[in-house]
Amino acid sequence: MDGVLIDSMPAHARSWVEASAAYGITAEPLDFYRCEGQKGSDTIERLFLQVHGRRATAQETDDYYQLKTELFSRYNTGNAVTDAPALVADVRANGLHIVLVTGSSQNDILDRLQVHYGDAFGSANVITGTDVMRGKPHPEPYLKALERANVAPWEAIVIENAPMGVRAAVAAGIFTIAVNTGCLPDADLWAAGASVIFPSMANLRSALPALLAESASR
């Protein structure tokens, strides 16, 4: 969702940096682009272990994530990623089933999506951080998506923008396209296992007919 459908990563990164400072953790925006897609609790646990040498308590995790969520609500524009609504419309027009896989656990996910994507996403085709025990880069979120769509890995295509998500999708055995909508070097996405990288949704949209034709021929 973030960085693929909604242009929210700048707000997420800023919110994480500021919330982390409140817990004595110095971080940079790029740190959160690299761990994007993780469950928030996993990000907090990793930061606490790295900086404080211990796990966060349940109360610290809840308070930390609540602060981050409040900051995000303040900074997020709510805009869609450029050309993403058109891409979603193209995918649906081709008769493909869409499942959204996000590490976010915020309650307003469907409301935010409806603004730009109408009825394309609902509770039946969204996997969130609360639906899994192990978040990205573990394959569980994408394995659940395959179950939800009732397809095999080789019948699916994943569109990702972050290394954690790419690793999760590749581990689930799914052909994975990366769209680099953020500030990461392409090398991070290649290293995670992306099969193809596009610089924008517009480029992916232009290539979609050829990609679908190629997949159909196989």
N, C-alpha and C. Protein backbone atom coordinates (compact mmCIF):
# COMPACT_ATOMS: atom_id res chain seq x y z
N MET A 1 0.83 -1.20 0.00
CA MET A 1 0.00 0.00 0.00
C MET A 1 0.87 1.26 0.00
N ASP A 2 1.65 1.44 1.07
CA ASP A 2 2.48 2.64 1.18
C ASP A 2 3.60 2.60 0.14
N GLY A 3 3.62 3.59 -0.72
CA GLY A 3 4.65 3.65 -1.75
C GLY A 3 4.28 2.92 -3.02
N VAL A 4 3.20 2.14 -2.99
CA VAL A 4 2.69 1.47 -4.20
C VAL A 4 1.35 2.07 -4.59
N LEU A 5 0.44 2.18 -3.63
CA LEU A 5 -0.88 2.75 -3.89
C LEU A 5 -1.01 4.17 -3.33
N ILE A 6 -0.50 4.38 -2.13
CA ILE A 6 -0.61 5.68 -1.46
C ILE A 6 0.78 6.29 -1.30
N ASP A 7 0.91 7.56 -1.63
CA ASP A 7 2.21 8.25 -1.57
C ASP A 7 2.47 8.71 -0.14
N SER A 8 2.63 7.75 0.74
CA SER A 8 2.69 8.03 2.17
C SER A 8 4.06 7.78 2.80
N MET A 9 5.02 7.27 2.03
CA MET A 9 6.29 6.93 2.63
C MET A 9 7.04 8.14 3.20
N PRO A 10 7.05 9.31 2.56
CA PRO A 10 7.71 10.45 3.20
C PRO A 10 7.13 10.75 4.59
N ALA A 11 5.81 10.66 4.73
CA ALA A 11 5.18 10.90 6.03
C ALA A 11 5.51 9.79 7.02
N HIS A 12 5.51 8.54 6.54
CA HIS A 12 5.88 7.43 7.42
C HIS A 12 7.31 7.59 7.93
N ALA A 13 8.23 7.89 7.03
CA ALA A 13 9.64 8.01 7.42
C ALA A 13 9.82 9.14 8.43
N ARG A 14 9.21 10.29 8.16
CA ARG A 14 9.32 11.42 9.09
C ARG A 14 8.73 11.07 10.45
N SER A 15 7.59 10.38 10.45
CA SER A 15 6.93 10.01 11.70
C SER A 15 7.78 9.03 12.51
N TRP A 16 8.37 8.05 11.82
CA TRP A 16 9.23 7.09 12.51
C TRP A 16 10.46 7.76 13.10
N VAL A 17 11.07 8.68 12.34
CA VAL A 17 12.26 9.38 12.84
C VAL A 17 11.93 10.16 14.11
N GLU A 18 10.82 10.89 14.11
CA GLU A 18 10.46 11.71 15.27
C GLU A 18 10.01 10.85 16.45
N ALA A 19 9.25 9.80 16.19
CA ALA A 19 8.82 8.93 17.29
C ALA A 19 10.02 8.21 17.90
N SER A 20 10.96 7.83 17.07
CA SER A 20 12.16 7.14 17.56
C SER A 20 12.97 8.04 18.48
N ALA A 21 13.07 9.32 18.11
CA ALA A 21 13.84 10.26 18.94
C ALA A 21 13.27 10.35 20.35
N ALA A 22 11.96 10.20 20.48
CA ALA A 22 11.33 10.25 21.79
C ALA A 22 11.74 9.08 22.67
N TYR A 23 12.28 8.02 22.03
CA TYR A 23 12.73 6.84 22.77
C TYR A 23 14.25 6.70 22.74
N GLY A 24 14.93 7.83 22.48
CA GLY A 24 16.39 7.83 22.51
C GLY A 24 17.02 7.12 21.35
N ILE A 25 16.31 7.02 20.24
CA ILE A 25 16.81 6.30 19.07
C ILE A 25 17.00 7.29 17.92
N THR A 26 18.23 7.42 17.45
CA THR A 26 18.53 8.30 16.33
C THR A 26 18.44 7.50 15.03
N ALA A 27 17.64 7.97 14.09
CA ALA A 27 17.45 7.27 12.82
C ALA A 27 17.32 8.28 11.69
N GLU A 28 17.45 7.79 10.48
CA GLU A 28 17.30 8.62 9.28
C GLU A 28 16.15 8.07 8.44
N PRO A 29 15.53 8.92 7.61
CA PRO A 29 14.42 8.45 6.78
C PRO A 29 14.74 7.20 5.97
N LEU A 30 15.96 7.12 5.41
CA LEU A 30 16.31 5.98 4.58
C LEU A 30 16.23 4.67 5.36
N ASP A 31 16.47 4.72 6.68
CA ASP A 31 16.37 3.51 7.50
C ASP A 31 14.98 2.89 7.39
N PHE A 32 13.96 3.74 7.26
CA PHE A 32 12.59 3.24 7.25
C PHE A 32 12.11 2.89 5.85
N TYR A 33 12.72 3.47 4.84
CA TYR A 33 12.46 3.00 3.49
C TYR A 33 13.00 1.58 3.34
N ARG A 34 14.12 1.30 3.99
CA ARG A 34 14.72 -0.04 3.87
C ARG A 34 13.93 -1.10 4.64
N CYS A 35 13.26 -0.71 5.71
CA CYS A 35 12.49 -1.70 6.48
C CYS A 35 10.99 -1.58 6.23
N GLU A 36 10.62 -0.76 5.24
CA GLU A 36 9.21 -0.59 4.90
C GLU A 36 8.55 -1.93 4.61
N GLY A 37 7.32 -2.06 5.08
CA GLY A 37 6.58 -3.30 4.87
C GLY A 37 6.57 -4.19 6.09
N GLN A 38 7.52 -3.97 7.00
CA GLN A 38 7.51 -4.71 8.26
C GLN A 38 6.31 -4.31 9.10
N LYS A 39 5.88 -5.22 9.96
CA LYS A 39 4.91 -4.83 10.98
C LYS A 39 5.55 -3.79 11.88
N GLY A 40 4.76 -2.82 12.34
CA GLY A 40 5.31 -1.78 13.19
C GLY A 40 5.99 -2.33 14.43
N SER A 41 5.41 -3.36 15.02
CA SER A 41 6.00 -3.95 16.23
C SER A 41 7.36 -4.57 15.93
N ASP A 42 7.54 -5.12 14.73
CA ASP A 42 8.84 -5.69 14.36
C ASP A 42 9.88 -4.60 14.19
N THR A 43 9.48 -3.48 13.61
CA THR A 43 10.40 -2.35 13.45
C THR A 43 10.85 -1.83 14.82
N ILE A 44 9.91 -1.69 15.74
CA ILE A 44 10.23 -1.20 17.08
C ILE A 44 11.16 -2.17 17.81
N GLU A 45 10.87 -3.46 17.69
CA GLU A 45 11.72 -4.45 18.35
C GLU A 45 13.15 -4.40 17.81
N ARG A 46 13.28 -4.28 16.49
CA ARG A 46 14.61 -4.22 15.88
C ARG A 46 15.37 -2.99 16.36
N LEU A 47 14.71 -1.84 16.42
CA LEU A 47 15.37 -0.61 16.84
C LEU A 47 15.79 -0.69 18.30
N PHE A 48 14.94 -1.22 19.16
CA PHE A 48 15.28 -1.34 20.57
C PHE A 48 16.48 -2.27 20.76
N LEU A 49 16.51 -3.37 20.04
CA LEU A 49 17.63 -4.30 20.16
C LEU A 49 18.92 -3.65 19.68
N GLN A 50 18.85 -2.91 18.58
CA GLN A 50 20.05 -2.27 18.03
C GLN A 50 20.59 -1.17 18.92
N VAL A 51 19.69 -0.37 19.47
CA VAL A 51 20.12 0.82 20.21
C VAL A 51 20.22 0.58 21.71
N HIS A 52 19.25 -0.11 22.27
CA HIS A 52 19.20 -0.29 23.72
C HIS A 52 19.63 -1.69 24.18
N GLY A 53 19.83 -2.58 23.22
CA GLY A 53 20.30 -3.92 23.58
C GLY A 53 19.27 -4.76 24.29
N ARG A 54 18.02 -4.43 24.15
CA ARG A 54 16.94 -5.21 24.77
C ARG A 54 15.68 -5.07 23.95
N ARG A 55 14.72 -5.94 24.22
CA ARG A 55 13.42 -5.84 23.55
C ARG A 55 12.58 -4.77 24.22
N ALA A 56 11.74 -4.13 23.44
CA ALA A 56 10.79 -3.17 24.01
C ALA A 56 9.73 -3.94 24.79
N THR A 57 9.25 -3.36 25.87
CA THR A 57 8.14 -3.96 26.59
C THR A 57 6.87 -3.79 25.77
N ALA A 58 5.84 -4.53 26.12
CA ALA A 58 4.57 -4.41 25.40
C ALA A 58 4.03 -2.99 25.51
N GLN A 59 4.18 -2.36 26.68
CA GLN A 59 3.69 -1.00 26.86
C GLN A 59 4.50 -0.02 26.01
N GLU A 60 5.83 -0.19 25.99
CA GLU A 60 6.66 0.67 25.16
C GLU A 60 6.30 0.54 23.69
N THR A 61 6.07 -0.69 23.25
CA THR A 61 5.71 -0.92 21.85
C THR A 61 4.40 -0.23 21.51
N ASP A 62 3.41 -0.38 22.38
CA ASP A 62 2.10 0.24 22.13
C ASP A 62 2.21 1.77 22.10
N ASP A 63 2.95 2.33 23.06
CA ASP A 63 3.07 3.79 23.14
C ASP A 63 3.87 4.34 21.97
N TYR A 64 4.94 3.66 21.62
CA TYR A 64 5.80 4.06 20.51
C TYR A 64 5.00 4.09 19.22
N TYR A 65 4.26 3.00 18.96
CA TYR A 65 3.49 2.92 17.72
C TYR A 65 2.34 3.92 17.71
N GLN A 66 1.75 4.17 18.87
CA GLN A 66 0.68 5.16 18.96
C GLN A 66 1.20 6.55 18.63
N LEU A 67 2.39 6.89 19.15
CA LEU A 67 3.00 8.18 18.83
C LEU A 67 3.30 8.28 17.35
N LYS A 68 3.87 7.22 16.79
CA LYS A 68 4.18 7.22 15.36
C LYS A 68 2.90 7.41 14.54
N THR A 69 1.82 6.74 14.92
CA THR A 69 0.55 6.83 14.21
C THR A 69 -0.03 8.24 14.28
N GLU A 70 0.07 8.87 15.44
CA GLU A 70 -0.42 10.24 15.59
C GLU A 70 0.37 11.20 14.71
N LEU A 71 1.68 11.04 14.66
CA LEU A 71 2.51 11.90 13.83
C LEU A 71 2.19 11.67 12.35
N PHE A 72 1.99 10.40 11.98
CA PHE A 72 1.68 10.09 10.59
C PHE A 72 0.37 10.76 10.16
N SER A 73 -0.61 10.73 11.03
CA SER A 73 -1.89 11.37 10.71
C SER A 73 -1.72 12.86 10.47
N ARG A 74 -0.76 13.45 11.14
CA ARG A 74 -0.48 14.88 10.99
C ARG A 74 0.21 15.19 9.67
N TYR A 75 1.13 14.32 9.24
CA TYR A 75 1.98 14.61 8.09
C TYR A 75 1.49 14.03 6.77
N ASN A 76 0.66 13.01 6.82
CA ASN A 76 0.28 12.32 5.58
C ASN A 76 -0.65 13.16 4.72
N THR A 77 -0.35 13.25 3.44
CA THR A 77 -1.20 14.01 2.51
C THR A 77 -2.40 13.20 2.06
N GLY A 78 -2.26 11.87 2.06
CA GLY A 78 -3.33 11.01 1.58
C GLY A 78 -3.39 10.87 0.08
N ASN A 79 -2.42 11.43 -0.63
CA ASN A 79 -2.42 11.36 -2.09
C ASN A 79 -2.09 9.95 -2.57
N ALA A 80 -2.63 9.62 -3.73
CA ALA A 80 -2.28 8.35 -4.37
C ALA A 80 -0.92 8.48 -5.06
N VAL A 81 -0.22 7.36 -5.20
CA VAL A 81 0.98 7.34 -6.03
C VAL A 81 0.55 7.66 -7.46
N THR A 82 1.30 8.52 -8.13
CA THR A 82 0.95 8.92 -9.49
C THR A 82 0.78 7.71 -10.40
N ASP A 83 -0.33 7.65 -11.10
CA ASP A 83 -0.67 6.60 -12.07
C ASP A 83 -1.08 5.27 -11.43
N ALA A 84 -1.03 5.16 -10.11
CA ALA A 84 -1.44 3.91 -9.48
C ALA A 84 -2.94 3.63 -9.64
N PRO A 85 -3.83 4.61 -9.48
CA PRO A 85 -5.25 4.32 -9.72
C PRO A 85 -5.53 3.82 -11.13
N ALA A 86 -4.85 4.40 -12.12
CA ALA A 86 -5.03 3.95 -13.51
C ALA A 86 -4.52 2.54 -13.68
N LEU A 87 -3.39 2.21 -13.03
CA LEU A 87 -2.85 0.85 -13.12
C LEU A 87 -3.81 -0.16 -12.51
N VAL A 88 -4.36 0.17 -11.35
CA VAL A 88 -5.33 -0.73 -10.71
C VAL A 88 -6.54 -0.94 -11.61
N ALA A 89 -7.00 0.12 -12.25
CA ALA A 89 -8.14 -0.01 -13.17
C ALA A 89 -7.78 -0.91 -14.34
N ASP A 90 -6.55 -0.78 -14.86
CA ASP A 90 -6.10 -1.65 -15.96
C ASP A 90 -6.07 -3.10 -15.54
N VAL A 91 -5.54 -3.35 -14.35
CA VAL A 91 -5.44 -4.72 -13.85
C VAL A 91 -6.83 -5.34 -13.71
N ARG A 92 -7.76 -4.59 -13.16
CA ARG A 92 -9.12 -5.10 -13.01
C ARG A 92 -9.78 -5.32 -14.36
N ALA A 93 -9.50 -4.43 -15.31
CA ALA A 93 -10.09 -4.57 -16.65
C ALA A 93 -9.59 -5.82 -17.34
N ASN A 94 -8.41 -6.30 -16.96
CA ASN A 94 -7.87 -7.54 -17.52
C ASN A 94 -8.39 -8.78 -16.80
N GLY A 95 -9.30 -8.57 -15.85
CA GLY A 95 -9.93 -9.71 -15.17
C GLY A 95 -9.09 -10.35 -14.10
N LEU A 96 -8.04 -9.66 -13.64
CA LEU A 96 -7.18 -10.21 -12.61
C LEU A 96 -7.73 -9.88 -11.22
N HIS A 97 -7.51 -10.80 -10.29
CA HIS A 97 -7.95 -10.60 -8.91
C HIS A 97 -6.83 -9.91 -8.14
N ILE A 98 -7.16 -8.84 -7.42
CA ILE A 98 -6.18 -8.07 -6.66
C ILE A 98 -6.30 -8.39 -5.17
N VAL A 99 -5.15 -8.60 -4.53
CA VAL A 99 -5.10 -8.70 -3.08
C VAL A 99 -4.03 -7.73 -2.59
N LEU A 100 -4.38 -6.88 -1.65
CA LEU A 100 -3.43 -5.95 -1.06
C LEU A 100 -2.76 -6.59 0.15
N VAL A 101 -1.43 -6.52 0.18
CA VAL A 101 -0.66 -7.06 1.30
C VAL A 101 0.11 -5.90 1.93
N THR A 102 -0.24 -5.53 3.13
CA THR A 102 0.42 -4.41 3.80
C THR A 102 0.82 -4.77 5.22
N GLY A 103 1.94 -4.21 5.67
CA GLY A 103 2.36 -4.42 7.05
C GLY A 103 1.64 -3.49 8.01
N SER A 104 0.89 -2.54 7.48
CA SER A 104 0.18 -1.57 8.32
C SER A 104 -0.94 -2.25 9.10
N SER A 105 -1.15 -1.74 10.31
CA SER A 105 -2.24 -2.24 11.15
C SER A 105 -3.21 -1.13 11.52
N GLN A 106 -3.09 0.02 10.86
CA GLN A 106 -3.93 1.16 11.20
C GLN A 106 -5.37 0.91 10.76
N ASN A 107 -6.31 1.40 11.57
CA ASN A 107 -7.73 1.07 11.39
C ASN A 107 -8.38 1.74 10.17
N ASP A 108 -7.75 2.80 9.65
CA ASP A 108 -8.39 3.55 8.58
C ASP A 108 -7.90 3.16 7.19
N ILE A 109 -7.28 1.98 7.07
CA ILE A 109 -6.72 1.55 5.79
C ILE A 109 -7.76 1.60 4.67
N LEU A 110 -8.91 0.96 4.88
CA LEU A 110 -9.90 0.86 3.82
C LEU A 110 -10.49 2.23 3.47
N ASP A 111 -10.64 3.08 4.49
CA ASP A 111 -11.15 4.44 4.23
C ASP A 111 -10.18 5.22 3.35
N ARG A 112 -8.89 5.09 3.65
CA ARG A 112 -7.88 5.81 2.86
C ARG A 112 -7.85 5.32 1.42
N LEU A 113 -7.98 4.02 1.26
CA LEU A 113 -7.94 3.44 -0.09
C LEU A 113 -9.16 3.83 -0.91
N GLN A 114 -10.32 3.89 -0.26
CA GLN A 114 -11.56 4.14 -0.99
C GLN A 114 -11.56 5.50 -1.67
N VAL A 115 -10.84 6.46 -1.09
CA VAL A 115 -10.78 7.81 -1.67
C VAL A 115 -10.30 7.77 -3.11
N HIS A 116 -9.28 6.95 -3.38
CA HIS A 116 -8.67 6.92 -4.70
C HIS A 116 -9.02 5.67 -5.52
N TYR A 117 -9.45 4.59 -4.82
CA TYR A 117 -9.61 3.31 -5.52
C TYR A 117 -11.02 2.76 -5.45
N GLY A 118 -11.95 3.52 -4.89
CA GLY A 118 -13.34 3.10 -4.88
C GLY A 118 -13.52 1.74 -4.24
N ASP A 119 -14.17 0.83 -4.99
CA ASP A 119 -14.47 -0.49 -4.44
C ASP A 119 -13.42 -1.54 -4.80
N ALA A 120 -12.24 -1.11 -5.23
CA ALA A 120 -11.20 -2.08 -5.62
C ALA A 120 -10.69 -2.88 -4.44
N PHE A 121 -10.75 -2.29 -3.23
CA PHE A 121 -10.23 -2.97 -2.05
C PHE A 121 -11.26 -2.97 -0.93
N GLY A 122 -11.41 -4.14 -0.33
CA GLY A 122 -12.31 -4.28 0.80
C GLY A 122 -11.75 -5.33 1.75
N SER A 123 -12.45 -5.62 2.81
CA SER A 123 -11.94 -6.55 3.82
C SER A 123 -11.65 -7.93 3.24
N ALA A 124 -12.32 -8.30 2.16
CA ALA A 124 -12.14 -9.63 1.58
C ALA A 124 -10.83 -9.77 0.81
N ASN A 125 -10.22 -8.66 0.40
CA ASN A 125 -9.00 -8.77 -0.40
C ASN A 125 -7.88 -7.87 0.12
N VAL A 126 -7.82 -7.75 1.46
CA VAL A 126 -6.74 -6.99 2.09
C VAL A 126 -6.14 -7.83 3.22
N ILE A 127 -4.82 -8.00 3.19
CA ILE A 127 -4.08 -8.67 4.26
C ILE A 127 -3.28 -7.58 4.98
N THR A 128 -3.52 -7.40 6.29
CA THR A 128 -2.82 -6.39 7.05
C THR A 128 -1.88 -7.02 8.06
N GLY A 129 -1.16 -6.17 8.79
CA GLY A 129 -0.23 -6.67 9.80
C GLY A 129 -0.91 -7.45 10.91
N THR A 130 -2.20 -7.19 11.13
CA THR A 130 -2.91 -7.91 12.18
C THR A 130 -3.36 -9.30 11.74
N ASP A 131 -3.25 -9.59 10.45
CA ASP A 131 -3.70 -10.88 9.92
C ASP A 131 -2.61 -11.95 9.94
N VAL A 132 -1.39 -11.57 10.30
CA VAL A 132 -0.27 -12.51 10.24
C VAL A 132 0.48 -12.55 11.56
N MET A 133 1.14 -13.68 11.79
CA MET A 133 2.01 -13.80 12.96
C MET A 133 3.40 -13.26 12.64
N ARG A 134 3.84 -13.52 11.40
CA ARG A 134 5.19 -13.13 10.98
C ARG A 134 5.06 -12.22 9.75
N GLY A 135 5.48 -10.99 9.92
CA GLY A 135 5.38 -10.03 8.83
C GLY A 135 6.54 -10.12 7.86
N LYS A 136 6.49 -9.27 6.82
CA LYS A 136 7.59 -9.19 5.86
C LYS A 136 8.89 -8.91 6.61
N PRO A 137 10.00 -9.54 6.24
CA PRO A 137 10.28 -10.28 5.00
C PRO A 137 9.91 -11.76 5.01
N HIS A 138 9.24 -12.24 6.08
CA HIS A 138 8.75 -13.62 6.06
C HIS A 138 7.68 -13.74 4.98
N PRO A 139 7.58 -14.87 4.31
CA PRO A 139 6.60 -15.01 3.23
C PRO A 139 5.15 -15.13 3.68
N GLU A 140 4.89 -15.26 4.99
CA GLU A 140 3.53 -15.50 5.44
C GLU A 140 2.49 -14.53 4.87
N PRO A 141 2.75 -13.21 4.82
CA PRO A 141 1.72 -12.32 4.29
C PRO A 141 1.33 -12.66 2.85
N TYR A 142 2.32 -13.00 2.02
CA TYR A 142 2.01 -13.31 0.63
C TYR A 142 1.43 -14.72 0.48
N LEU A 143 1.80 -15.63 1.35
CA LEU A 143 1.18 -16.95 1.32
C LEU A 143 -0.30 -16.83 1.67
N LYS A 144 -0.62 -15.96 2.63
CA LYS A 144 -2.03 -15.72 2.96
C LYS A 144 -2.78 -15.08 1.79
N ALA A 145 -2.08 -14.20 1.07
CA ALA A 145 -2.71 -13.57 -0.09
C ALA A 145 -3.02 -14.60 -1.17
N LEU A 146 -2.11 -15.55 -1.37
CA LEU A 146 -2.36 -16.62 -2.33
C LEU A 146 -3.59 -17.43 -1.94
N GLU A 147 -3.69 -17.73 -0.64
CA GLU A 147 -4.86 -18.46 -0.15
C GLU A 147 -6.13 -17.66 -0.39
N ARG A 148 -6.07 -16.37 -0.09
CA ARG A 148 -7.24 -15.50 -0.23
C ARG A 148 -7.71 -15.45 -1.69
N ALA A 149 -6.74 -15.44 -2.62
CA ALA A 149 -7.07 -15.38 -4.04
C ALA A 149 -7.30 -16.76 -4.65
N ASN A 150 -6.98 -17.81 -3.89
CA ASN A 150 -7.13 -19.19 -4.36
C ASN A 150 -6.31 -19.44 -5.61
N VAL A 151 -5.04 -19.03 -5.58
CA VAL A 151 -4.13 -19.26 -6.70
C VAL A 151 -2.81 -19.82 -6.19
N ALA A 152 -2.07 -20.43 -7.11
CA ALA A 152 -0.73 -20.94 -6.80
C ALA A 152 0.28 -19.82 -7.01
N PRO A 153 1.48 -19.95 -6.43
CA PRO A 153 2.50 -18.89 -6.59
C PRO A 153 2.78 -18.53 -8.05
N TRP A 154 2.82 -19.54 -8.93
CA TRP A 154 3.15 -19.27 -10.33
C TRP A 154 1.98 -18.64 -11.10
N GLU A 155 0.83 -18.49 -10.45
CA GLU A 155 -0.31 -17.82 -11.07
C GLU A 155 -0.44 -16.37 -10.61
N ALA A 156 0.55 -15.89 -9.86
CA ALA A 156 0.45 -14.56 -9.27
C ALA A 156 1.62 -13.67 -9.70
N ILE A 157 1.41 -12.39 -9.59
CA ILE A 157 2.45 -11.38 -9.78
C ILE A 157 2.36 -10.43 -8.59
N VAL A 158 3.51 -10.10 -8.00
CA VAL A 158 3.55 -9.13 -6.91
C VAL A 158 4.15 -7.83 -7.42
N ILE A 159 3.56 -6.71 -7.00
CA ILE A 159 4.13 -5.39 -7.26
C ILE A 159 4.54 -4.82 -5.91
N GLU A 160 5.83 -4.56 -5.76
CA GLU A 160 6.39 -4.08 -4.50
C GLU A 160 7.26 -2.85 -4.74
N ASN A 161 7.58 -2.17 -3.67
CA ASN A 161 8.46 -1.00 -3.77
C ASN A 161 9.57 -1.01 -2.73
N ALA A 162 9.61 -2.05 -1.89
CA ALA A 162 10.54 -2.06 -0.76
C ALA A 162 11.25 -3.41 -0.65
N PRO A 163 12.50 -3.41 -0.21
CA PRO A 163 13.26 -4.66 -0.12
C PRO A 163 12.59 -5.72 0.75
N MET A 164 12.02 -5.33 1.90
CA MET A 164 11.38 -6.31 2.78
C MET A 164 10.23 -7.02 2.05
N GLY A 165 9.44 -6.24 1.33
CA GLY A 165 8.32 -6.83 0.61
C GLY A 165 8.77 -7.70 -0.53
N VAL A 166 9.82 -7.27 -1.24
CA VAL A 166 10.36 -8.09 -2.33
C VAL A 166 10.84 -9.42 -1.79
N ARG A 167 11.57 -9.39 -0.69
CA ARG A 167 12.08 -10.64 -0.11
C ARG A 167 10.94 -11.57 0.29
N ALA A 168 9.88 -11.00 0.86
CA ALA A 168 8.73 -11.81 1.27
C ALA A 168 8.06 -12.46 0.08
N ALA A 169 7.87 -11.70 -0.98
CA ALA A 169 7.19 -12.22 -2.17
C ALA A 169 8.03 -13.29 -2.86
N VAL A 170 9.33 -13.04 -2.97
CA VAL A 170 10.23 -14.01 -3.61
C VAL A 170 10.26 -15.30 -2.78
N ALA A 171 10.28 -15.17 -1.46
CA ALA A 171 10.29 -16.35 -0.60
C ALA A 171 9.00 -17.15 -0.73
N ALA A 172 7.91 -16.47 -1.12
CA ALA A 172 6.64 -17.16 -1.35
C ALA A 172 6.58 -17.79 -2.73
N GLY A 173 7.62 -17.58 -3.54
CA GLY A 173 7.69 -18.20 -4.86
C GLY A 173 6.97 -17.44 -5.95
N ILE A 174 6.76 -16.13 -5.76
CA ILE A 174 5.97 -15.34 -6.69
C ILE A 174 6.87 -14.43 -7.53
N PHE A 175 6.57 -14.32 -8.82
CA PHE A 175 7.29 -13.38 -9.71
C PHE A 175 7.05 -11.97 -9.17
N THR A 176 8.14 -11.24 -8.94
CA THR A 176 8.03 -9.98 -8.22
C THR A 176 8.57 -8.81 -9.03
N ILE A 177 7.70 -7.83 -9.24
CA ILE A 177 8.05 -6.58 -9.92
C ILE A 177 8.25 -5.51 -8.86
N ALA A 178 9.37 -4.80 -8.93
CA ALA A 178 9.60 -3.68 -8.04
C ALA A 178 9.39 -2.37 -8.79
N VAL A 179 8.71 -1.44 -8.16
CA VAL A 179 8.55 -0.09 -8.71
C VAL A 179 9.20 0.85 -7.69
N ASN A 180 10.28 1.51 -8.10
CA ASN A 180 11.05 2.31 -7.16
C ASN A 180 10.48 3.72 -7.07
N THR A 181 9.47 3.86 -6.20
CA THR A 181 8.79 5.15 -6.04
C THR A 181 9.41 6.00 -4.94
N GLY A 182 10.44 5.48 -4.28
CA GLY A 182 11.03 6.20 -3.16
C GLY A 182 12.46 6.63 -3.43
N CYS A 183 13.26 6.66 -2.37
CA CYS A 183 14.63 7.17 -2.45
C CYS A 183 15.68 6.07 -2.38
N LEU A 184 15.26 4.82 -2.43
CA LEU A 184 16.21 3.71 -2.36
C LEU A 184 16.99 3.57 -3.66
N PRO A 185 18.25 3.15 -3.59
CA PRO A 185 18.94 2.78 -4.82
C PRO A 185 18.35 1.50 -5.38
N ASP A 186 18.31 1.39 -6.70
CA ASP A 186 17.79 0.16 -7.33
C ASP A 186 18.53 -1.07 -6.82
N ALA A 187 19.80 -0.91 -6.47
CA ALA A 187 20.60 -2.05 -6.01
C ALA A 187 19.96 -2.75 -4.82
N ASP A 188 19.29 -2.00 -3.95
CA ASP A 188 18.63 -2.62 -2.80
C ASP A 188 17.51 -3.56 -3.24
N LEU A 189 16.79 -3.18 -4.29
CA LEU A 189 15.68 -3.99 -4.78
C LEU A 189 16.17 -5.19 -5.57
N TRP A 190 17.22 -5.00 -6.36
CA TRP A 190 17.82 -6.14 -7.06
C TRP A 190 18.34 -7.16 -6.05
N ALA A 191 19.03 -6.67 -5.00
CA ALA A 191 19.61 -7.57 -4.00
C ALA A 191 18.54 -8.35 -3.25
N ALA A 192 17.36 -7.75 -3.12
CA ALA A 192 16.25 -8.44 -2.43
C ALA A 192 15.63 -9.54 -3.29
N GLY A 193 15.92 -9.51 -4.61
CA GLY A 193 15.43 -10.57 -5.48
C GLY A 193 14.41 -10.16 -6.51
N ALA A 194 14.21 -8.85 -6.73
CA ALA A 194 13.24 -8.42 -7.74
C ALA A 194 13.62 -8.96 -9.11
N SER A 195 12.62 -9.38 -9.88
CA SER A 195 12.86 -9.88 -11.23
C SER A 195 12.90 -8.75 -12.24
N VAL A 196 12.15 -7.68 -11.99
CA VAL A 196 12.07 -6.52 -12.87
C VAL A 196 11.96 -5.28 -12.00
N ILE A 197 12.56 -4.17 -12.41
CA ILE A 197 12.40 -2.91 -11.69
C ILE A 197 11.96 -1.84 -12.68
N PHE A 198 10.92 -1.09 -12.30
CA PHE A 198 10.45 0.06 -13.08
C PHE A 198 10.64 1.32 -12.24
N PRO A 199 10.91 2.46 -12.89
CA PRO A 199 11.12 3.70 -12.14
C PRO A 199 9.83 4.41 -11.73
N SER A 200 8.70 3.97 -12.27
CA SER A 200 7.43 4.64 -11.95
C SER A 200 6.27 3.73 -12.30
N MET A 201 5.10 4.06 -11.77
CA MET A 201 3.88 3.33 -12.11
C MET A 201 3.51 3.54 -13.58
N ALA A 202 3.82 4.70 -14.11
CA ALA A 202 3.53 4.96 -15.53
C ALA A 202 4.31 3.99 -16.41
N ASN A 203 5.57 3.73 -16.06
CA ASN A 203 6.37 2.79 -16.84
C ASN A 203 5.82 1.37 -16.73
N LEU A 204 5.42 0.99 -15.54
CA LEU A 204 4.84 -0.34 -15.35
C LEU A 204 3.53 -0.45 -16.12
N ARG A 205 2.72 0.59 -16.08
CA ARG A 205 1.44 0.56 -16.78
C ARG A 205 1.66 0.36 -18.29
N SER A 206 2.66 1.04 -18.84
CA SER A 206 2.95 0.90 -20.27
C SER A 206 3.39 -0.52 -20.62
N ALA A 207 4.10 -1.16 -19.68
CA ALA A 207 4.63 -2.50 -19.93
C ALA A 207 3.65 -3.61 -19.58
N LEU A 208 2.55 -3.27 -18.91
CA LEU A 208 1.63 -4.29 -18.42
C LEU A 208 1.09 -5.21 -19.52
N PRO A 209 0.64 -4.72 -20.67
CA PRO A 209 0.14 -5.63 -21.69
C PRO A 209 1.17 -6.69 -22.10
N ALA A 210 2.42 -6.26 -22.28
CA ALA A 210 3.46 -7.21 -22.67
C ALA A 210 3.74 -8.22 -21.55
N LEU A 211 3.74 -7.75 -20.31
CA LEU A 211 3.96 -8.64 -19.17
C LEU A 211 2.86 -9.70 -19.06
N LEU A 212 1.62 -9.27 -19.22
CA LEU A 212 0.50 -10.21 -19.14
C LEU A 212 0.50 -11.20 -20.31
N ALA A 213 0.87 -10.70 -21.48
CA ALA A 213 0.97 -11.59 -22.64
C ALA A 213 2.05 -12.64 -22.45
N GLU A 214 3.17 -12.21 -21.89
CA GLU A 214 4.27 -13.14 -21.63
C GLU A 214 3.86 -14.19 -20.60
N SER A 215 3.19 -13.74 -19.52
CA SER A 215 2.77 -14.69 -18.49
C SER A 215 1.74 -15.67 -19.03
N ALA A 216 0.86 -15.20 -19.89
CA ALA A 216 -0.16 -16.08 -20.47
C ALA A 216 0.46 -17.14 -21.38
N SER A 217 1.54 -16.75 -22.05
CA SER A 217 2.19 -17.70 -22.98
C SER A 217 2.89 -18.82 -22.25
N ARG A 218 3.14 -18.61 -20.95
CA ARG A 218 3.81 -19.63 -20.16
C ARG A 218 2.84 -20.51 -19.40
